C-alpha atoms as a PDB file:
ATOM      1  CA  MET A   1     -68.730 -11.172  42.502  1.00  0.00           C
ATOM      2  CA  ASN A   2     -71.394 -13.648  43.261  1.00  0.00           C
ATOM      3  CA  ASN A   3     -71.471 -15.361  46.599  1.00  0.00           C
ATOM      4  CA  PHE A   4     -72.260 -18.695  44.918  1.00  0.00           C
ATOM      5  CA  PRO A   5     -70.592 -19.739  41.575  1.00  0.00           C
ATOM      6  CA  SER A   6     -72.917 -20.209  38.548  1.00  0.00           C
ATOM      7  CA  PRO A   7     -72.520 -23.430  36.779  1.00  0.00           C
ATOM      8  CA  PHE A   8     -70.536 -23.564  33.408  1.00  0.00           C
ATOM      9  CA  SER A   9     -70.115 -26.299  31.060  1.00  0.00           C
ATOM     10  CA  SER A  10     -66.731 -27.663  30.116  1.00  0.00           C
ATOM     11  CA  VAL A  11     -65.629 -26.225  26.804  1.00  0.00           C
ATOM     12  CA  TYR A  12     -62.796 -26.810  24.259  1.00  0.00           C
ATOM     13  CA  LEU A  13     -60.817 -23.565  23.967  1.00  0.00           C
ATOM     14  CA  GLY A  14     -63.926 -21.808  24.718  1.00  0.00           C
ATOM     15  CA  PRO A  15     -65.170 -18.429  23.284  1.00  0.00           C
ATOM     16  CA  ILE A  16     -64.390 -15.052  24.491  1.00  0.00           C
ATOM     17  CA  GLN A  17     -67.898 -14.871  25.991  1.00  0.00           C
ATOM     18  CA  TRP A  18     -67.271 -17.779  28.136  1.00  0.00           C
ATOM     19  CA  TYR A  19     -63.941 -16.390  29.510  1.00  0.00           C
ATOM     20  CA  SER A  20     -65.362 -13.000  30.152  1.00  0.00           C
ATOM     21  CA  LYS A  21     -68.219 -14.665  32.401  1.00  0.00           C
ATOM     22  CA  ILE A  22     -65.744 -16.468  34.578  1.00  0.00           C
ATOM     23  CA  LEU A  23     -64.213 -13.175  35.649  1.00  0.00           C
ATOM     24  CA  LEU A  24     -67.486 -12.502  37.274  1.00  0.00           C
ATOM     25  CA  GLN A  25     -67.155 -15.550  39.608  1.00  0.00           C
ATOM     26  CA  ASP A  26     -65.069 -16.045  42.644  1.00  0.00           C
ATOM     27  CA  GLU A  27     -64.685 -19.837  41.788  1.00  0.00           C
ATOM     28  CA  LEU A  28     -65.156 -21.514  38.395  1.00  0.00           C
ATOM     29  CA  LEU A  29     -67.809 -24.310  38.803  1.00  0.00           C
ATOM     30  CA  ILE A  30     -67.828 -26.872  35.995  1.00  0.00           C
ATOM     31  CA  ASP A  31     -70.833 -29.213  35.765  1.00  0.00           C
ATOM     32  CA  GLN A  32     -69.253 -32.601  34.990  1.00  0.00           C
ATOM     33  CA  HIS A  33     -72.430 -34.406  35.475  1.00  0.00           C
ATOM     34  CA  GLU A  34     -74.566 -32.431  32.870  1.00  0.00           C
ATOM     35  CA  HIS A  35     -75.379 -34.494  29.707  1.00  0.00           C
ATOM     36  CA  TYR A  36     -72.987 -33.943  26.752  1.00  0.00           C
ATOM     37  CA  LEU A  37     -74.855 -32.117  23.846  1.00  0.00           C
ATOM     38  CA  LYS A  38     -73.745 -32.271  20.237  1.00  0.00           C
ATOM     39  CA  GLN A  39     -72.795 -29.052  18.316  1.00  0.00           C
ATOM     40  CA  THR A  40     -71.848 -27.106  21.364  1.00  0.00           C
ATOM     41  CA  TRP A  41     -68.573 -25.528  22.705  1.00  0.00           C
ATOM     42  CA  ARG A  42     -68.157 -28.713  24.861  1.00  0.00           C
ATOM     43  CA  ASN A  43     -66.114 -30.415  22.056  1.00  0.00           C
ATOM     44  CA  ARG A  44     -65.683 -27.553  19.418  1.00  0.00           C
ATOM     45  CA  THR A  45     -63.964 -24.259  19.081  1.00  0.00           C
ATOM     46  CA  ARG A  46     -64.319 -21.565  16.454  1.00  0.00           C
ATOM     47  CA  ILE A  47     -61.422 -19.824  14.609  1.00  0.00           C
ATOM     48  CA  THR A  48     -61.131 -17.915  11.433  1.00  0.00           C
ATOM     49  CA  ASN A  49     -58.730 -18.928   8.467  1.00  0.00           C
ATOM     50  CA  PRO A  50     -57.374 -17.426   5.177  1.00  0.00           C
ATOM     51  CA  ASN A  51     -60.342 -19.056   3.087  1.00  0.00           C
ATOM     52  CA  ALA A  52     -63.247 -18.924   5.496  1.00  0.00           C
ATOM     53  CA  ARG A  53     -64.706 -16.361   7.722  1.00  0.00           C
ATOM     54  CA  ILE A  54     -65.339 -18.963  10.538  1.00  0.00           C
ATOM     55  CA  GLN A  55     -64.065 -22.484  10.915  1.00  0.00           C
ATOM     56  CA  ASP A  56     -65.287 -24.759  13.566  1.00  0.00           C
ATOM     57  CA  LEU A  57     -62.822 -27.407  14.941  1.00  0.00           C
ATOM     58  CA  ALA A  58     -64.674 -30.352  16.557  1.00  0.00           C
ATOM     59  CA  ILE A  59     -63.222 -33.102  18.668  1.00  0.00           C
ATOM     60  CA  PRO A  60     -64.849 -36.524  17.639  1.00  0.00           C
ATOM     61  CA  VAL A  61     -66.118 -38.283  20.650  1.00  0.00           C
ATOM     62  CA  HIS A  62     -67.826 -41.567  21.858  1.00  0.00           C
ATOM     63  CA  ALA A  63     -71.048 -40.236  23.456  1.00  0.00           C
ATOM     64  CA  PRO A  64     -74.321 -42.137  23.318  1.00  0.00           C
ATOM     65  CA  ASN A  65     -77.503 -40.401  24.384  1.00  0.00           C
ATOM     66  CA  HIS A  66     -77.542 -39.159  27.803  1.00  0.00           C
ATOM     67  CA  THR A  67     -73.905 -39.503  28.426  1.00  0.00           C
ATOM     68  CA  LYS A  68     -72.516 -37.435  31.275  1.00  0.00           C
ATOM     69  CA  MET A  69     -69.608 -34.963  30.445  1.00  0.00           C
ATOM     70  CA  CYS A  70     -67.338 -36.858  32.715  1.00  0.00           C
ATOM     71  CA  ASP A  71     -67.917 -40.004  30.751  1.00  0.00           C
ATOM     72  CA  VAL A  72     -67.409 -38.698  27.232  1.00  0.00           C
ATOM     73  CA  LYS A  73     -64.422 -40.523  25.536  1.00  0.00           C
ATOM     74  CA  ILE A  74     -62.297 -38.825  22.791  1.00  0.00           C
ATOM     75  CA  ASN A  75     -62.237 -40.840  19.589  1.00  0.00           C
ATOM     76  CA  TYR A  76     -58.667 -41.133  18.390  1.00  0.00           C
ATOM     77  CA  SER A  77     -59.564 -43.193  15.269  1.00  0.00           C
ATOM     78  CA  GLU A  78     -59.567 -39.909  13.314  1.00  0.00           C
ATOM     79  CA  SER A  79     -56.531 -37.745  12.814  1.00  0.00           C
ATOM     80  CA  TRP A  80     -58.299 -34.767  14.350  1.00  0.00           C
ATOM     81  CA  GLN A  81     -55.238 -33.662  16.516  1.00  0.00           C
ATOM     82  CA  ARG A  82     -53.137 -33.169  13.351  1.00  0.00           C
ATOM     83  CA  GLN A  83     -56.027 -31.525  11.542  1.00  0.00           C
ATOM     84  CA  HIS A  84     -56.712 -29.121  14.342  1.00  0.00           C
ATOM     85  CA  TRP A  85     -53.175 -28.061  14.770  1.00  0.00           C
ATOM     86  CA  GLN A  86     -52.709 -27.542  11.209  1.00  0.00           C
ATOM     87  CA  SER A  87     -55.726 -25.268  11.041  1.00  0.00           C
ATOM     88  CA  ILE A  88     -54.514 -23.373  14.046  1.00  0.00           C
ATOM     89  CA  ARG A  89     -51.074 -22.886  12.482  1.00  0.00           C
ATOM     90  CA  SER A  90     -52.514 -21.731   9.308  1.00  0.00           C
ATOM     91  CA  ALA A  91     -54.866 -19.324  10.969  1.00  0.00           C
ATOM     92  CA  TYR A  92     -52.382 -17.782  13.405  1.00  0.00           C
ATOM     93  CA  GLY A  93     -48.900 -18.561  12.098  1.00  0.00           C
ATOM     94  CA  ASN A  94     -48.538 -14.902  11.076  1.00  0.00           C
ATOM     95  CA  SER A  95     -50.272 -13.394  14.086  1.00  0.00           C
ATOM     96  CA  PRO A  96     -48.174 -11.371  16.509  1.00  0.00           C
ATOM     97  CA  PHE A  97     -48.084 -13.784  19.376  1.00  0.00           C
ATOM     98  CA  PHE A  98     -48.405 -17.382  17.858  1.00  0.00           C
ATOM     99  CA  ASN A  99     -44.717 -18.131  18.163  1.00  0.00           C
ATOM    100  CA  PHE A 100     -44.780 -17.065  21.801  1.00  0.00           C
ATOM    101  CA  TYR A 101     -47.681 -19.469  22.640  1.00  0.00           C
ATOM    102  CA  ALA A 102     -47.143 -22.249  20.085  1.00  0.00           C
ATOM    103  CA  ASP A 103     -44.973 -24.542  22.379  1.00  0.00           C
ATOM    104  CA  TYR A 104     -47.530 -24.299  25.097  1.00  0.00           C
ATOM    105  CA  PHE A 105     -50.355 -25.631  22.824  1.00  0.00           C
ATOM    106  CA  SER A 106     -48.639 -28.120  20.586  1.00  0.00           C
ATOM    107  CA  PRO A 107     -48.401 -30.884  23.211  1.00  0.00           C
ATOM    108  CA  PHE A 108     -52.109 -31.072  23.230  1.00  0.00           C
ATOM    109  CA  TYR A 109     -52.111 -32.117  19.600  1.00  0.00           C
ATOM    110  CA  GLU A 110     -49.269 -34.370  19.722  1.00  0.00           C
ATOM    111  CA  SER A 111     -50.248 -36.740  22.463  1.00  0.00           C
ATOM    112  CA  LYS A 112     -53.135 -39.272  23.002  1.00  0.00           C
ATOM    113  CA  GLN A 113     -52.716 -39.245  26.806  1.00  0.00           C
ATOM    114  CA  TRP A 114     -56.236 -37.825  27.444  1.00  0.00           C
ATOM    115  CA  GLU A 115     -58.960 -40.548  27.352  1.00  0.00           C
ATOM    116  CA  ASN A 116     -61.825 -38.270  28.492  1.00  0.00           C
ATOM    117  CA  LEU A 117     -63.015 -35.029  26.828  1.00  0.00           C
ATOM    118  CA  LEU A 118     -63.452 -33.484  30.303  1.00  0.00           C
ATOM    119  CA  GLU A 119     -59.857 -34.125  31.331  1.00  0.00           C
ATOM    120  CA  TYR A 120     -58.675 -32.671  28.018  1.00  0.00           C
ATOM    121  CA  ASN A 121     -60.657 -29.522  28.264  1.00  0.00           C
ATOM    122  CA  ILE A 122     -59.744 -28.972  31.996  1.00  0.00           C
ATOM    123  CA  GLU A 123     -56.039 -29.145  31.123  1.00  0.00           C
ATOM    124  CA  LEU A 124     -56.279 -26.845  28.275  1.00  0.00           C
ATOM    125  CA  LEU A 125     -58.400 -24.515  30.619  1.00  0.00           C
ATOM    126  CA  LYS A 126     -55.574 -24.425  33.138  1.00  0.00           C
ATOM    127  CA  LEU A 127     -53.172 -23.591  30.421  1.00  0.00           C
ATOM    128  CA  THR A 128     -55.108 -20.762  29.082  1.00  0.00           C
ATOM    129  CA  LEU A 129     -55.867 -19.357  32.532  1.00  0.00           C
ATOM    130  CA  ARG A 130     -52.129 -19.372  33.232  1.00  0.00           C
ATOM    131  CA  LEU A 131     -51.328 -17.693  30.010  1.00  0.00           C
ATOM    132  CA  LEU A 132     -54.146 -15.152  30.688  1.00  0.00           C
ATOM    133  CA  LYS A 133     -52.727 -14.679  34.293  1.00  0.00           C
ATOM    134  CA  ILE A 134     -56.123 -15.312  35.756  1.00  0.00           C
ATOM    135  CA  GLN A 135     -56.345 -17.135  39.000  1.00  0.00           C
ATOM    136  CA  LYS A 136     -59.424 -19.169  39.559  1.00  0.00           C
ATOM    137  CA  THR A 137     -60.156 -22.119  41.697  1.00  0.00           C
ATOM    138  CA  ILE A 138     -61.748 -24.783  39.493  1.00  0.00           C
ATOM    139  CA  ILE A 139     -64.411 -26.978  40.988  1.00  0.00           C
ATOM    140  CA  LEU A 140     -65.904 -29.988  39.375  1.00  0.00           C
ATOM    141  CA  SER A 141     -69.485 -30.655  40.463  1.00  0.00           C
ATOM    142  CA  ASP A 142     -70.328 -33.657  42.614  1.00  0.00           C
ATOM    143  CA  GLU A 143     -73.652 -34.113  40.838  1.00  0.00           C
ATOM    144  CA  PHE A 144     -75.682 -32.513  38.215  1.00  0.00           C
ATOM    145  CA  ILE A 145     -76.485 -28.833  39.112  1.00  0.00           C
ATOM    146  CA  SER A 146     -80.203 -27.915  38.802  1.00  0.00           C
ATOM    147  CA  ALA A 147     -80.752 -24.304  37.372  1.00  0.00           C
ATOM    148  CA  THR A 148     -82.140 -21.869  39.936  1.00  0.00           C
ATOM    149  CA  GLU A 149     -83.796 -18.481  39.369  1.00  0.00           C
ATOM    150  CA  ASN A 150     -81.196 -16.784  41.567  1.00  0.00           C
ATOM    151  CA  GLN A 151     -78.214 -17.744  39.336  1.00  0.00           C
ATOM    152  CA  GLU A 152     -76.995 -17.327  35.815  1.00  0.00           C
ATOM    153  CA  ASP A 153     -76.938 -20.656  33.974  1.00  0.00           C
ATOM    154  CA  TYR A 154     -74.229 -20.274  31.609  1.00  0.00           C
ATOM    155  CA  ARG A 155     -74.464 -23.826  30.345  1.00  0.00           C
ATOM    156  CA  SER A 156     -77.328 -23.041  28.063  1.00  0.00           C
ATOM    157  CA  LEU A 157     -76.686 -19.300  27.554  1.00  0.00           C
ATOM    158  CA  ILE A 158     -73.162 -19.841  26.063  1.00  0.00           C
ATOM    159  CA  SER A 159     -73.591 -21.956  22.885  1.00  0.00           C
ATOM    160  CA  PRO A 160     -72.987 -21.611  19.175  1.00  0.00           C
ATOM    161  CA  LYS A 161     -76.806 -22.335  18.923  1.00  0.00           C
ATOM    162  CA  VAL A 162     -77.658 -19.297  21.066  1.00  0.00           C
ATOM    163  CA  SER A 163     -77.335 -15.773  19.504  1.00  0.00           C
ATOM    164  CA  LEU A 164     -75.243 -13.104  21.372  1.00  0.00           C
ATOM    165  CA  GLU A 165     -78.395 -10.977  21.352  1.00  0.00           C
ATOM    166  CA  LYS A 166     -79.657 -13.292  24.154  1.00  0.00           C
ATOM    167  CA  ASP A 167     -76.731 -12.103  26.249  1.00  0.00           C
ATOM    168  CA  PRO A 168     -77.031  -8.291  26.412  1.00  0.00           C
ATOM    169  CA  ALA A 169     -74.389  -8.221  29.124  1.00  0.00           C
ATOM    170  CA  PHE A 170     -71.812  -9.457  26.722  1.00  0.00           C
ATOM    171  CA  ILE A 171     -70.791  -6.670  24.248  1.00  0.00           C
ATOM    172  CA  PRO A 172     -68.118  -7.873  21.876  1.00  0.00           C
ATOM    173  CA  LYS A 173     -65.110  -5.461  21.713  1.00  0.00           C
ATOM    174  CA  ARG A 174     -63.038  -5.220  18.544  1.00  0.00           C
ATOM    175  CA  TYR A 175     -59.418  -6.087  18.246  1.00  0.00           C
ATOM    176  CA  LEU A 176     -56.978  -6.477  15.366  1.00  0.00           C
ATOM    177  CA  GLN A 177     -57.555  -9.977  13.860  1.00  0.00           C
ATOM    178  CA  VAL A 178     -55.152 -11.689  11.270  1.00  0.00           C
ATOM    179  CA  PHE A 179     -57.724 -11.841   8.448  1.00  0.00           C
ATOM    180  CA  GLU A 180     -59.831  -8.814   9.289  1.00  0.00           C
ATOM    181  CA  GLU A 181     -59.041  -6.988   5.999  1.00  0.00           C
ATOM    182  CA  ARG A 182     -60.335 -10.120   4.167  1.00  0.00           C
ATOM    183  CA  HIS A 183     -63.225 -11.084   6.295  1.00  0.00           C
ATOM    184  CA  GLY A 184     -64.064  -8.225   8.556  1.00  0.00           C
ATOM    185  CA  PHE A 185     -63.921  -8.432  12.391  1.00  0.00           C
ATOM    186  CA  VAL A 186     -65.547 -11.666  13.659  1.00  0.00           C
ATOM    187  CA  SER A 187     -66.670 -11.464  17.354  1.00  0.00           C
ATOM    188  CA  ASN A 188     -66.518 -14.150  19.956  1.00  0.00           C
ATOM    189  CA  LEU A 189     -63.987 -16.488  18.460  1.00  0.00           C
ATOM    190  CA  SER A 190     -61.836 -19.008  20.503  1.00  0.00           C
ATOM    191  CA  ILE A 191     -59.773 -17.613  23.325  1.00  0.00           C
ATOM    192  CA  ILE A 192     -56.726 -18.762  21.181  1.00  0.00           C
ATOM    193  CA  ASP A 193     -57.592 -16.079  18.605  1.00  0.00           C
ATOM    194  CA  LEU A 194     -57.520 -13.429  21.240  1.00  0.00           C
ATOM    195  CA  LEU A 195     -54.228 -14.800  22.662  1.00  0.00           C
ATOM    196  CA  CYS A 196     -52.526 -14.883  19.404  1.00  0.00           C
ATOM    197  CA  CYS A 197     -53.749 -11.456  18.297  1.00  0.00           C
ATOM    198  CA  VAL A 198     -53.259  -9.440  21.411  1.00  0.00           C
ATOM    199  CA  GLY A 199     -50.969 -11.604  23.576  1.00  0.00           C
ATOM    200  CA  PRO A 200     -50.388 -10.527  27.220  1.00  0.00           C
ATOM    201  CA  ALA A 201     -53.052  -7.758  26.818  1.00  0.00           C
ATOM    202  CA  ALA A 202     -55.807 -10.389  26.489  1.00  0.00           C
ATOM    203  CA  LYS A 203     -56.828 -10.454  30.171  1.00  0.00           C
ATOM    204  CA  ASP A 204     -57.068  -6.504  30.105  1.00  0.00           C
ATOM    205  CA  PHE A 205     -59.256  -6.913  27.071  1.00  0.00           C
ATOM    206  CA  LEU A 206     -61.510  -9.412  28.830  1.00  0.00           C
ATOM    207  CA  LEU A 207     -61.886  -7.068  31.823  1.00  0.00           C
END
């Protein structure tokens, strides 16, 4: 374990790589003062579906240039919640554990009570940690965290724009996926893919 936590970005149902890294930390430090970046895991998650090998689900947001993560507002003018939940149900409705977890996740797609993206992500994070039986203290930064040479900076490393080859410490491990016979195994999908496919064994898989 590191004595000082490395900074993480807030993510929307983050990828397996992100969750594997938090297990290395005593505390989970989320940088809420970093600038929001488009086309990252901050507002998107990746699943697979019957027709496409990968499908990205993105939360629409109000985020002018240089907006801090803590100030990013969710855009509810689009019916993204219904679309995301339909896609998740289509992807995992026949998975071994979807029915076990569905009632936990569905409220996040039925209510508009979350104004900020950060708040929404944090509440989903707390849920997934509880389902994974991972106990971590979540700390929100008081200010922007500058990168240092002595720490891993997962904010830039864990991104759909960065190849997994840039992170040799993360070696994707195969598990049985819903559409594997059709698309082949797809690594580093959303944590919801892992939960729905392997259920309570998800934590052991991450370890």
